[in-house]
Amino acid sequence: TIGNLTGLTRAASGTMTTLRWDGKSRSG
């Protein structure tokens, strides 16, 4: 594991959910 995707932590059925990665490791 290198980095985390960020964004919503809960998604509703049938809705578009977006997570983002800033290109950085967990240490920044």
mmCIF file of all heavy atoms, coordinates in Angstrom:
data_MODEL
# 
_entry.id   MODEL 
# 
loop_
_atom_site.group_PDB 
_atom_site.id 
_atom_site.type_symbol 
_atom_site.label_atom_id 
_atom_site.label_alt_id 
_atom_site.label_comp_id 
_atom_site.label_asym_id 
_atom_site.label_entity_id 
_atom_site.label_seq_id 
_atom_site.pdbx_PDB_ins_code 
_atom_site.Cartn_x 
_atom_site.Cartn_y 
_atom_site.Cartn_z 
_atom_site.occupancy 
_atom_site.B_iso_or_equiv 
_atom_site.pdbx_formal_charge 
_atom_site.auth_seq_id 
_atom_site.auth_comp_id 
_atom_site.auth_asym_id 
_atom_site.auth_atom_id 
_atom_site.pdbx_PDB_model_num 
ATOM 1   N N   . THR A 1 1  ? 0.849   -1.191 0.000   1.00 0.00 ? 1  THR A N   1 
ATOM 2   C CA  . THR A 1 1  ? 0.000   0.000  0.000   1.00 0.00 ? 1  THR A CA  1 
ATOM 3   C C   . THR A 1 1  ? 0.885   1.241  0.000   1.00 0.00 ? 1  THR A C   1 
ATOM 4   O O   . THR A 1 1  ? 1.767   1.385  0.839   1.00 0.00 ? 1  THR A O   1 
ATOM 5   C CB  . THR A 1 1  ? -0.935  0.007  1.216   1.00 0.00 ? 1  THR A CB  1 
ATOM 6   O OG1 . THR A 1 1  ? -1.779  -1.146 1.140   1.00 0.00 ? 1  THR A OG1 1 
ATOM 7   C CG2 . THR A 1 1  ? -1.799  1.259  1.247   1.00 0.00 ? 1  THR A CG2 1 
ATOM 8   N N   . ILE A 1 2  ? 0.621   2.130  -0.958  1.00 0.00 ? 2  ILE A N   1 
ATOM 9   C CA  . ILE A 1 2  ? 1.429   3.333  -1.134  1.00 0.00 ? 2  ILE A CA  1 
ATOM 10  C C   . ILE A 1 2  ? 0.692   4.576  -0.666  1.00 0.00 ? 2  ILE A C   1 
ATOM 11  O O   . ILE A 1 2  ? 1.264   5.437  -0.015  1.00 0.00 ? 2  ILE A O   1 
ATOM 12  C CB  . ILE A 1 2  ? 1.792   3.488  -2.623  1.00 0.00 ? 2  ILE A CB  1 
ATOM 13  C CG1 . ILE A 1 2  ? 2.631   2.313  -3.018  1.00 0.00 ? 2  ILE A CG1 1 
ATOM 14  C CG2 . ILE A 1 2  ? 2.421   4.825  -2.906  1.00 0.00 ? 2  ILE A CG2 1 
ATOM 15  C CD1 . ILE A 1 2  ? 3.473   2.439  -4.189  1.00 0.00 ? 2  ILE A CD1 1 
ATOM 16  N N   . GLY A 1 3  ? -0.567  4.704  -1.035  1.00 0.00 ? 3  GLY A N   1 
ATOM 17  C CA  . GLY A 1 3  ? -1.336  5.900  -0.716  1.00 0.00 ? 3  GLY A CA  1 
ATOM 18  C C   . GLY A 1 3  ? -2.799  5.575  -0.514  1.00 0.00 ? 3  GLY A C   1 
ATOM 19  O O   . GLY A 1 3  ? -3.241  4.442  -0.723  1.00 0.00 ? 3  GLY A O   1 
ATOM 20  N N   . ASN A 1 4  ? -3.548  6.588  -0.105  1.00 0.00 ? 4  ASN A N   1 
ATOM 21  C CA  . ASN A 1 4  ? -4.980  6.428  0.150   1.00 0.00 ? 4  ASN A CA  1 
ATOM 22  C C   . ASN A 1 4  ? -5.796  7.235  -0.839  1.00 0.00 ? 4  ASN A C   1 
ATOM 23  O O   . ASN A 1 4  ? -5.415  8.355  -1.199  1.00 0.00 ? 4  ASN A O   1 
ATOM 24  C CB  . ASN A 1 4  ? -5.328  6.914  1.557   1.00 0.00 ? 4  ASN A CB  1 
ATOM 25  C CG  . ASN A 1 4  ? -4.673  6.081  2.621   1.00 0.00 ? 4  ASN A CG  1 
ATOM 26  O OD1 . ASN A 1 4  ? -4.706  4.861  2.569   1.00 0.00 ? 4  ASN A OD1 1 
ATOM 27  N ND2 . ASN A 1 4  ? -4.065  6.734  3.587   1.00 0.00 ? 4  ASN A ND2 1 
ATOM 28  N N   . LEU A 1 5  ? -6.928  6.686  -1.236  1.00 0.00 ? 5  LEU A N   1 
ATOM 29  C CA  . LEU A 1 5  ? -7.914  7.446  -1.986  1.00 0.00 ? 5  LEU A CA  1 
ATOM 30  C C   . LEU A 1 5  ? -8.758  8.192  -0.965  1.00 0.00 ? 5  LEU A C   1 
ATOM 31  O O   . LEU A 1 5  ? -9.075  7.653  0.102   1.00 0.00 ? 5  LEU A O   1 
ATOM 32  C CB  . LEU A 1 5  ? -8.797  6.517  -2.812  1.00 0.00 ? 5  LEU A CB  1 
ATOM 33  C CG  . LEU A 1 5  ? -8.092  5.794  -3.969  1.00 0.00 ? 5  LEU A CG  1 
ATOM 34  C CD1 . LEU A 1 5  ? -8.943  4.651  -4.475  1.00 0.00 ? 5  LEU A CD1 1 
ATOM 35  C CD2 . LEU A 1 5  ? -7.783  6.764  -5.081  1.00 0.00 ? 5  LEU A CD2 1 
ATOM 36  N N   . THR A 1 6  ? -9.094  9.426  -1.251  1.00 0.00 ? 6  THR A N   1 
ATOM 37  C CA  . THR A 1 6  ? -9.874  10.239 -0.326  1.00 0.00 ? 6  THR A CA  1 
ATOM 38  C C   . THR A 1 6  ? -11.216 10.600 -0.947  1.00 0.00 ? 6  THR A C   1 
ATOM 39  O O   . THR A 1 6  ? -11.382 10.568 -2.158  1.00 0.00 ? 6  THR A O   1 
ATOM 40  C CB  . THR A 1 6  ? -9.121  11.530 0.061   1.00 0.00 ? 6  THR A CB  1 
ATOM 41  O OG1 . THR A 1 6  ? -8.864  12.290 -1.126  1.00 0.00 ? 6  THR A OG1 1 
ATOM 42  C CG2 . THR A 1 6  ? -7.816  11.216 0.767   1.00 0.00 ? 6  THR A CG2 1 
ATOM 43  N N   . GLY A 1 7  ? -12.147 10.965 -0.108  1.00 0.00 ? 7  GLY A N   1 
ATOM 44  C CA  . GLY A 1 7  ? -13.481 11.347 -0.558  1.00 0.00 ? 7  GLY A CA  1 
ATOM 45  C C   . GLY A 1 7  ? -14.516 10.792 0.388   1.00 0.00 ? 7  GLY A C   1 
ATOM 46  O O   . GLY A 1 7  ? -14.252 10.605 1.578   1.00 0.00 ? 7  GLY A O   1 
ATOM 47  N N   . LEU A 1 8  ? -15.674 10.490 -0.136  1.00 0.00 ? 8  LEU A N   1 
ATOM 48  C CA  . LEU A 1 8  ? -16.765 9.948  0.675   1.00 0.00 ? 8  LEU A CA  1 
ATOM 49  C C   . LEU A 1 8  ? -16.381 8.611  1.283   1.00 0.00 ? 8  LEU A C   1 
ATOM 50  O O   . LEU A 1 8  ? -15.625 7.844  0.684   1.00 0.00 ? 8  LEU A O   1 
ATOM 51  C CB  . LEU A 1 8  ? -18.017 9.761  -0.176  1.00 0.00 ? 8  LEU A CB  1 
ATOM 52  C CG  . LEU A 1 8  ? -18.656 11.028 -0.746  1.00 0.00 ? 8  LEU A CG  1 
ATOM 53  C CD1 . LEU A 1 8  ? -19.805 10.651 -1.674  1.00 0.00 ? 8  LEU A CD1 1 
ATOM 54  C CD2 . LEU A 1 8  ? -19.144 11.918 0.370   1.00 0.00 ? 8  LEU A CD2 1 
ATOM 55  N N   . THR A 1 9  ? -16.907 8.326  2.447   1.00 0.00 ? 9  THR A N   1 
ATOM 56  C CA  . THR A 1 9  ? -16.674 7.029  3.077   1.00 0.00 ? 9  THR A CA  1 
ATOM 57  C C   . THR A 1 9  ? -17.921 6.160  3.043   1.00 0.00 ? 9  THR A C   1 
ATOM 58  O O   . THR A 1 9  ? -17.893 5.020  3.468   1.00 0.00 ? 9  THR A O   1 
ATOM 59  C CB  . THR A 1 9  ? -16.213 7.192  4.545   1.00 0.00 ? 9  THR A CB  1 
ATOM 60  O OG1 . THR A 1 9  ? -17.212 7.918  5.262   1.00 0.00 ? 9  THR A OG1 1 
ATOM 61  C CG2 . THR A 1 9  ? -14.880 7.916  4.617   1.00 0.00 ? 9  THR A CG2 1 
ATOM 62  N N   . ARG A 1 10 ? -19.017 6.709  2.512   1.00 0.00 ? 10 ARG A N   1 
ATOM 63  C CA  . ARG A 1 10 ? -20.270 5.962  2.398   1.00 0.00 ? 10 ARG A CA  1 
ATOM 64  C C   . ARG A 1 10 ? -20.870 6.269  1.028   1.00 0.00 ? 10 ARG A C   1 
ATOM 65  O O   . ARG A 1 10 ? -20.871 7.414  0.589   1.00 0.00 ? 10 ARG A O   1 
ATOM 66  C CB  . ARG A 1 10 ? -21.239 6.384  3.496   1.00 0.00 ? 10 ARG A CB  1 
ATOM 67  C CG  . ARG A 1 10 ? -22.473 5.551  3.546   1.00 0.00 ? 10 ARG A CG  1 
ATOM 68  C CD  . ARG A 1 10 ? -22.628 4.951  4.955   1.00 0.00 ? 10 ARG A CD  1 
ATOM 69  N NE  . ARG A 1 10 ? -23.788 4.111  5.042   1.00 0.00 ? 10 ARG A NE  1 
ATOM 70  C CZ  . ARG A 1 10 ? -23.723 2.797  5.049   1.00 0.00 ? 10 ARG A CZ  1 
ATOM 71  N NH1 . ARG A 1 10 ? -22.578 2.187  4.986   1.00 0.00 ? 10 ARG A NH1 1 
ATOM 72  N NH2 . ARG A 1 10 ? -24.815 2.073  5.148   1.00 0.00 ? 10 ARG A NH2 1 
ATOM 73  N N   . ALA A 1 11 ? -21.352 5.242  0.350   1.00 0.00 ? 11 ALA A N   1 
ATOM 74  C CA  . ALA A 1 11 ? -21.939 5.407  -0.976  1.00 0.00 ? 11 ALA A CA  1 
ATOM 75  C C   . ALA A 1 11 ? -23.342 4.819  -0.998  1.00 0.00 ? 11 ALA A C   1 
ATOM 76  O O   . ALA A 1 11 ? -23.582 3.760  -0.414  1.00 0.00 ? 11 ALA A O   1 
ATOM 77  C CB  . ALA A 1 11 ? -21.078 4.708  -2.021  1.00 0.00 ? 11 ALA A CB  1 
ATOM 78  N N   . ALA A 1 12 ? -24.239 5.509  -1.659  1.00 0.00 ? 12 ALA A N   1 
ATOM 79  C CA  . ALA A 1 12 ? -25.614 5.029  -1.814  1.00 0.00 ? 12 ALA A CA  1 
ATOM 80  C C   . ALA A 1 12 ? -25.724 4.195  -3.085  1.00 0.00 ? 12 ALA A C   1 
ATOM 81  O O   . ALA A 1 12 ? -25.018 4.433  -4.061  1.00 0.00 ? 12 ALA A O   1 
ATOM 82  C CB  . ALA A 1 12 ? -26.568 6.217  -1.887  1.00 0.00 ? 12 ALA A CB  1 
ATOM 83  N N   . SER A 1 13 ? -26.614 3.237  -3.071  1.00 0.00 ? 13 SER A N   1 
ATOM 84  C CA  . SER A 1 13 ? -26.826 2.363  -4.212  1.00 0.00 ? 13 SER A CA  1 
ATOM 85  C C   . SER A 1 13 ? -27.206 3.166  -5.455  1.00 0.00 ? 13 SER A C   1 
ATOM 86  O O   . SER A 1 13 ? -28.066 4.046  -5.397  1.00 0.00 ? 13 SER A O   1 
ATOM 87  C CB  . SER A 1 13 ? -27.942 1.373  -3.895  1.00 0.00 ? 13 SER A CB  1 
ATOM 88  O OG  . SER A 1 13 ? -28.215 0.562  -5.006  1.00 0.00 ? 13 SER A OG  1 
ATOM 89  N N   . GLY A 1 14 ? -26.536 2.868  -6.556  1.00 0.00 ? 14 GLY A N   1 
ATOM 90  C CA  . GLY A 1 14 ? -26.878 3.477  -7.839  1.00 0.00 ? 14 GLY A CA  1 
ATOM 91  C C   . GLY A 1 14 ? -26.393 4.893  -8.060  1.00 0.00 ? 14 GLY A C   1 
ATOM 92  O O   . GLY A 1 14 ? -26.687 5.468  -9.099  1.00 0.00 ? 14 GLY A O   1 
ATOM 93  N N   . THR A 1 15 ? -25.686 5.472  -7.120  1.00 0.00 ? 15 THR A N   1 
ATOM 94  C CA  . THR A 1 15 ? -25.182 6.834  -7.321  1.00 0.00 ? 15 THR A CA  1 
ATOM 95  C C   . THR A 1 15 ? -23.697 6.799  -7.657  1.00 0.00 ? 15 THR A C   1 
ATOM 96  O O   . THR A 1 15 ? -22.952 5.946  -7.174  1.00 0.00 ? 15 THR A O   1 
ATOM 97  C CB  . THR A 1 15 ? -25.390 7.718  -6.076  1.00 0.00 ? 15 THR A CB  1 
ATOM 98  O OG1 . THR A 1 15 ? -24.683 7.157  -4.977  1.00 0.00 ? 15 THR A OG1 1 
ATOM 99  C CG2 . THR A 1 15 ? -26.855 7.838  -5.733  1.00 0.00 ? 15 THR A CG2 1 
ATOM 100 N N   . MET A 1 16 ? -23.267 7.736  -8.498  1.00 0.00 ? 16 MET A N   1 
ATOM 101 C CA  . MET A 1 16 ? -21.862 7.829  -8.874  1.00 0.00 ? 16 MET A CA  1 
ATOM 102 C C   . MET A 1 16 ? -21.066 8.333  -7.675  1.00 0.00 ? 16 MET A C   1 
ATOM 103 O O   . MET A 1 16 ? -21.419 9.325  -7.060  1.00 0.00 ? 16 MET A O   1 
ATOM 104 C CB  . MET A 1 16 ? -21.699 8.790  -10.059 1.00 0.00 ? 16 MET A CB  1 
ATOM 105 C CG  . MET A 1 16 ? -20.293 8.863  -10.596 1.00 0.00 ? 16 MET A CG  1 
ATOM 106 S SD  . MET A 1 16 ? -19.677 7.319  -11.300 1.00 0.00 ? 16 MET A SD  1 
ATOM 107 C CE  . MET A 1 16 ? -20.678 7.174  -12.756 1.00 0.00 ? 16 MET A CE  1 
ATOM 108 N N   . THR A 1 17 ? -20.018 7.623  -7.322  1.00 0.00 ? 17 THR A N   1 
ATOM 109 C CA  . THR A 1 17 ? -19.144 7.988  -6.212  1.00 0.00 ? 17 THR A CA  1 
ATOM 110 C C   . THR A 1 17 ? -17.757 8.269  -6.771  1.00 0.00 ? 17 THR A C   1 
ATOM 111 O O   . THR A 1 17 ? -17.306 7.576  -7.680  1.00 0.00 ? 17 THR A O   1 
ATOM 112 C CB  . THR A 1 17 ? -19.069 6.837  -5.187  1.00 0.00 ? 17 THR A CB  1 
ATOM 113 O OG1 . THR A 1 17 ? -20.393 6.579  -4.706  1.00 0.00 ? 17 THR A OG1 1 
ATOM 114 C CG2 . THR A 1 17 ? -18.172 7.192  -4.019  1.00 0.00 ? 17 THR A CG2 1 
ATOM 115 N N   . THR A 1 18 ? -17.089 9.280  -6.244  1.00 0.00 ? 18 THR A N   1 
ATOM 116 C CA  . THR A 1 18 ? -15.753 9.637  -6.710  1.00 0.00 ? 18 THR A CA  1 
ATOM 117 C C   . THR A 1 18 ? -14.780 9.650  -5.543  1.00 0.00 ? 18 THR A C   1 
ATOM 118 O O   . THR A 1 18 ? -15.057 10.249 -4.508  1.00 0.00 ? 18 THR A O   1 
ATOM 119 C CB  . THR A 1 18 ? -15.761 11.039 -7.369  1.00 0.00 ? 18 THR A CB  1 
ATOM 120 O OG1 . THR A 1 18 ? -16.677 11.039 -8.468  1.00 0.00 ? 18 THR A OG1 1 
ATOM 121 C CG2 . THR A 1 18 ? -14.374 11.414 -7.875  1.00 0.00 ? 18 THR A CG2 1 
ATOM 122 N N   . LEU A 1 19 ? -13.661 8.962  -5.728  1.00 0.00 ? 19 LEU A N   1 
ATOM 123 C CA  . LEU A 1 19 ? -12.546 9.013  -4.786  1.00 0.00 ? 19 LEU A CA  1 
ATOM 124 C C   . LEU A 1 19 ? -11.356 9.612  -5.529  1.00 0.00 ? 19 LEU A C   1 
ATOM 125 O O   . LEU A 1 19 ? -11.241 9.458  -6.744  1.00 0.00 ? 19 LEU A O   1 
ATOM 126 C CB  . LEU A 1 19 ? -12.191 7.612  -4.264  1.00 0.00 ? 19 LEU A CB  1 
ATOM 127 C CG  . LEU A 1 19 ? -13.266 6.910  -3.444  1.00 0.00 ? 19 LEU A CG  1 
ATOM 128 C CD1 . LEU A 1 19 ? -12.791 5.512  -3.057  1.00 0.00 ? 19 LEU A CD1 1 
ATOM 129 C CD2 . LEU A 1 19 ? -13.621 7.710  -2.204  1.00 0.00 ? 19 LEU A CD2 1 
ATOM 130 N N   . ARG A 1 20 ? -10.449 10.264 -4.804  1.00 0.00 ? 20 ARG A N   1 
ATOM 131 C CA  . ARG A 1 20 ? -9.334  10.953 -5.442  1.00 0.00 ? 20 ARG A CA  1 
ATOM 132 C C   . ARG A 1 20 ? -8.010  10.551 -4.803  1.00 0.00 ? 20 ARG A C   1 
ATOM 133 O O   . ARG A 1 20 ? -7.923  10.341 -3.606  1.00 0.00 ? 20 ARG A O   1 
ATOM 134 C CB  . ARG A 1 20 ? -9.533  12.456 -5.304  1.00 0.00 ? 20 ARG A CB  1 
ATOM 135 C CG  . ARG A 1 20 ? -8.393  13.253 -5.866  1.00 0.00 ? 20 ARG A CG  1 
ATOM 136 C CD  . ARG A 1 20 ? -8.835  14.613 -6.375  1.00 0.00 ? 20 ARG A CD  1 
ATOM 137 N NE  . ARG A 1 20 ? -7.704  15.412 -6.793  1.00 0.00 ? 20 ARG A NE  1 
ATOM 138 C CZ  . ARG A 1 20 ? -6.973  15.217 -7.867  1.00 0.00 ? 20 ARG A CZ  1 
ATOM 139 N NH1 . ARG A 1 20 ? -7.238  14.226 -8.678  1.00 0.00 ? 20 ARG A NH1 1 
ATOM 140 N NH2 . ARG A 1 20 ? -5.963  15.995 -8.180  1.00 0.00 ? 20 ARG A NH2 1 
ATOM 141 N N   . TRP A 1 21 ? -6.966  10.490 -5.649  1.00 0.00 ? 21 TRP A N   1 
ATOM 142 C CA  . TRP A 1 21 ? -5.599  10.295 -5.179  1.00 0.00 ? 21 TRP A CA  1 
ATOM 143 C C   . TRP A 1 21 ? -4.778  11.477 -5.647  1.00 0.00 ? 21 TRP A C   1 
ATOM 144 O O   . TRP A 1 21 ? -4.820  11.852 -6.822  1.00 0.00 ? 21 TRP A O   1 
ATOM 145 C CB  . TRP A 1 21 ? -5.010  9.004  -5.716  1.00 0.00 ? 21 TRP A CB  1 
ATOM 146 C CG  . TRP A 1 21 ? -3.619  8.734  -5.227  1.00 0.00 ? 21 TRP A CG  1 
ATOM 147 C CD1 . TRP A 1 21 ? -3.170  8.817  -3.942  1.00 0.00 ? 21 TRP A CD1 1 
ATOM 148 C CD2 . TRP A 1 21 ? -2.497  8.327  -6.006  1.00 0.00 ? 21 TRP A CD2 1 
ATOM 149 N NE1 . TRP A 1 21 ? -1.837  8.481  -3.871  1.00 0.00 ? 21 TRP A NE1 1 
ATOM 150 C CE2 . TRP A 1 21 ? -1.397  8.175  -5.132  1.00 0.00 ? 21 TRP A CE2 1 
ATOM 151 C CE3 . TRP A 1 21 ? -2.301  8.075  -7.356  1.00 0.00 ? 21 TRP A CE3 1 
ATOM 152 C CZ2 . TRP A 1 21 ? -0.143  7.778  -5.565  1.00 0.00 ? 21 TRP A CZ2 1 
ATOM 153 C CZ3 . TRP A 1 21 ? -1.054  7.673  -7.783  1.00 0.00 ? 21 TRP A CZ3 1 
ATOM 154 C CH2 . TRP A 1 21 ? 0.007   7.531  -6.893  1.00 0.00 ? 21 TRP A CH2 1 
ATOM 155 N N   . ASP A 1 22 ? -4.032  12.089 -4.733  1.00 0.00 ? 22 ASP A N   1 
ATOM 156 C CA  . ASP A 1 22 ? -3.243  13.275 -5.064  1.00 0.00 ? 22 ASP A CA  1 
ATOM 157 C C   . ASP A 1 22 ? -1.846  12.963 -5.585  1.00 0.00 ? 22 ASP A C   1 
ATOM 158 O O   . ASP A 1 22 ? -1.052  13.851 -5.846  1.00 0.00 ? 22 ASP A O   1 
ATOM 159 C CB  . ASP A 1 22 ? -3.148  14.212 -3.851  1.00 0.00 ? 22 ASP A CB  1 
ATOM 160 C CG  . ASP A 1 22 ? -2.438  13.582 -2.658  1.00 0.00 ? 22 ASP A CG  1 
ATOM 161 O OD1 . ASP A 1 22 ? -1.951  12.431 -2.759  1.00 0.00 ? 22 ASP A OD1 1 
ATOM 162 O OD2 . ASP A 1 22 ? -2.396  14.246 -1.604  1.00 0.00 ? 22 ASP A OD2 1 
ATOM 163 N N   . GLY A 1 23 ? -1.518  11.682 -5.756  1.00 0.00 ? 23 GLY A N   1 
ATOM 164 C CA  . GLY A 1 23 ? -0.212  11.304 -6.276  1.00 0.00 ? 23 GLY A CA  1 
ATOM 165 C C   . GLY A 1 23 ? 0.873   11.249 -5.215  1.00 0.00 ? 23 GLY A C   1 
ATOM 166 O O   . GLY A 1 23 ? 2.054   11.186 -5.528  1.00 0.00 ? 23 GLY A O   1 
ATOM 167 N N   . LYS A 1 24 ? 0.467   11.269 -3.943  1.00 0.00 ? 24 LYS A N   1 
ATOM 168 C CA  . LYS A 1 24 ? 1.434   11.248 -2.846  1.00 0.00 ? 24 LYS A CA  1 
ATOM 169 C C   . LYS A 1 24 ? 1.300   9.976  -2.023  1.00 0.00 ? 24 LYS A C   1 
ATOM 170 O O   . LYS A 1 24 ? 0.240   9.364  -1.956  1.00 0.00 ? 24 LYS A O   1 
ATOM 171 C CB  . LYS A 1 24 ? 1.235   12.462 -1.946  1.00 0.00 ? 24 LYS A CB  1 
ATOM 172 C CG  . LYS A 1 24 ? 1.521   13.773 -2.662  1.00 0.00 ? 24 LYS A CG  1 
ATOM 173 C CD  . LYS A 1 24 ? 1.341   14.948 -1.737  1.00 0.00 ? 24 LYS A CD  1 
ATOM 174 C CE  . LYS A 1 24 ? 1.593   16.254 -2.485  1.00 0.00 ? 24 LYS A CE  1 
ATOM 175 N NZ  . LYS A 1 24 ? 1.360   17.413 -1.622  1.00 0.00 ? 24 LYS A NZ  1 
ATOM 176 N N   . SER A 1 25 ? 2.403   9.614  -1.359  1.00 0.00 ? 25 SER A N   1 
ATOM 177 C CA  . SER A 1 25 ? 2.413   8.449  -0.486  1.00 0.00 ? 25 SER A CA  1 
ATOM 178 C C   . SER A 1 25 ? 1.685   8.775  0.808   1.00 0.00 ? 25 SER A C   1 
ATOM 179 O O   . SER A 1 25 ? 1.342   9.932  1.068   1.00 0.00 ? 25 SER A O   1 
ATOM 180 C CB  . SER A 1 25 ? 3.848   8.036  -0.178  1.00 0.00 ? 25 SER A CB  1 
ATOM 181 O OG  . SER A 1 25 ? 4.454   9.013  0.653   1.00 0.00 ? 25 SER A OG  1 
ATOM 182 N N   . ARG A 1 26 ? 1.504   7.779  1.639   1.00 0.00 ? 26 ARG A N   1 
ATOM 183 C CA  . ARG A 1 26 ? 0.873   7.994  2.945   1.00 0.00 ? 26 ARG A CA  1 
ATOM 184 C C   . ARG A 1 26 ? 1.661   8.975  3.803   1.00 0.00 ? 26 ARG A C   1 
ATOM 185 O O   . ARG A 1 26 ? 1.099   9.659  4.651   1.00 0.00 ? 26 ARG A O   1 
ATOM 186 C CB  . ARG A 1 26 ? 0.730   6.669  3.690   1.00 0.00 ? 26 ARG A CB  1 
ATOM 187 C CG  . ARG A 1 26 ? -0.350  5.790  3.122   1.00 0.00 ? 26 ARG A CG  1 
ATOM 188 C CD  . ARG A 1 26 ? -0.435  4.510  3.905   1.00 0.00 ? 26 ARG A CD  1 
ATOM 189 N NE  . ARG A 1 26 ? -1.735  3.897  3.698   1.00 0.00 ? 26 ARG A NE  1 
ATOM 190 C CZ  . ARG A 1 26 ? -2.099  2.773  4.252   1.00 0.00 ? 26 ARG A CZ  1 
ATOM 191 N NH1 . ARG A 1 26 ? -1.271  2.121  5.054   1.00 0.00 ? 26 ARG A NH1 1 
ATOM 192 N NH2 . ARG A 1 26 ? -3.293  2.277  4.021   1.00 0.00 ? 26 ARG A NH2 1 
ATOM 193 N N   . SER A 1 27 ? 2.976   9.055  3.594   1.00 0.00 ? 27 SER A N   1 
ATOM 194 C CA  . SER A 1 27 ? 3.811   9.977  4.372   1.00 0.00 ? 27 SER A CA  1 
ATOM 195 C C   . SER A 1 27 ? 3.829   11.383 3.774   1.00 0.00 ? 27 SER A C   1 
ATOM 196 O O   . SER A 1 27 ? 4.418   12.286 4.356   1.00 0.00 ? 27 SER A O   1 
ATOM 197 C CB  . SER A 1 27 ? 5.240   9.440  4.476   1.00 0.00 ? 27 SER A CB  1 
ATOM 198 O OG  . SER A 1 27 ? 5.844   9.417  3.192   1.00 0.00 ? 27 SER A OG  1 
ATOM 199 N N   . GLY A 1 28 ? 3.200   11.559 2.616   1.00 0.00 ? 28 GLY A N   1 
ATOM 200 C CA  . GLY A 1 28 ? 3.104   12.878 2.000   1.00 0.00 ? 28 GLY A CA  1 
ATOM 201 C C   . GLY A 1 28 ? 4.125   13.167 0.926   1.00 0.00 ? 28 GLY A C   1 
ATOM 202 O O   . GLY A 1 28 ? 4.109   14.238 0.327   1.00 0.00 ? 28 GLY A O   1 
# 
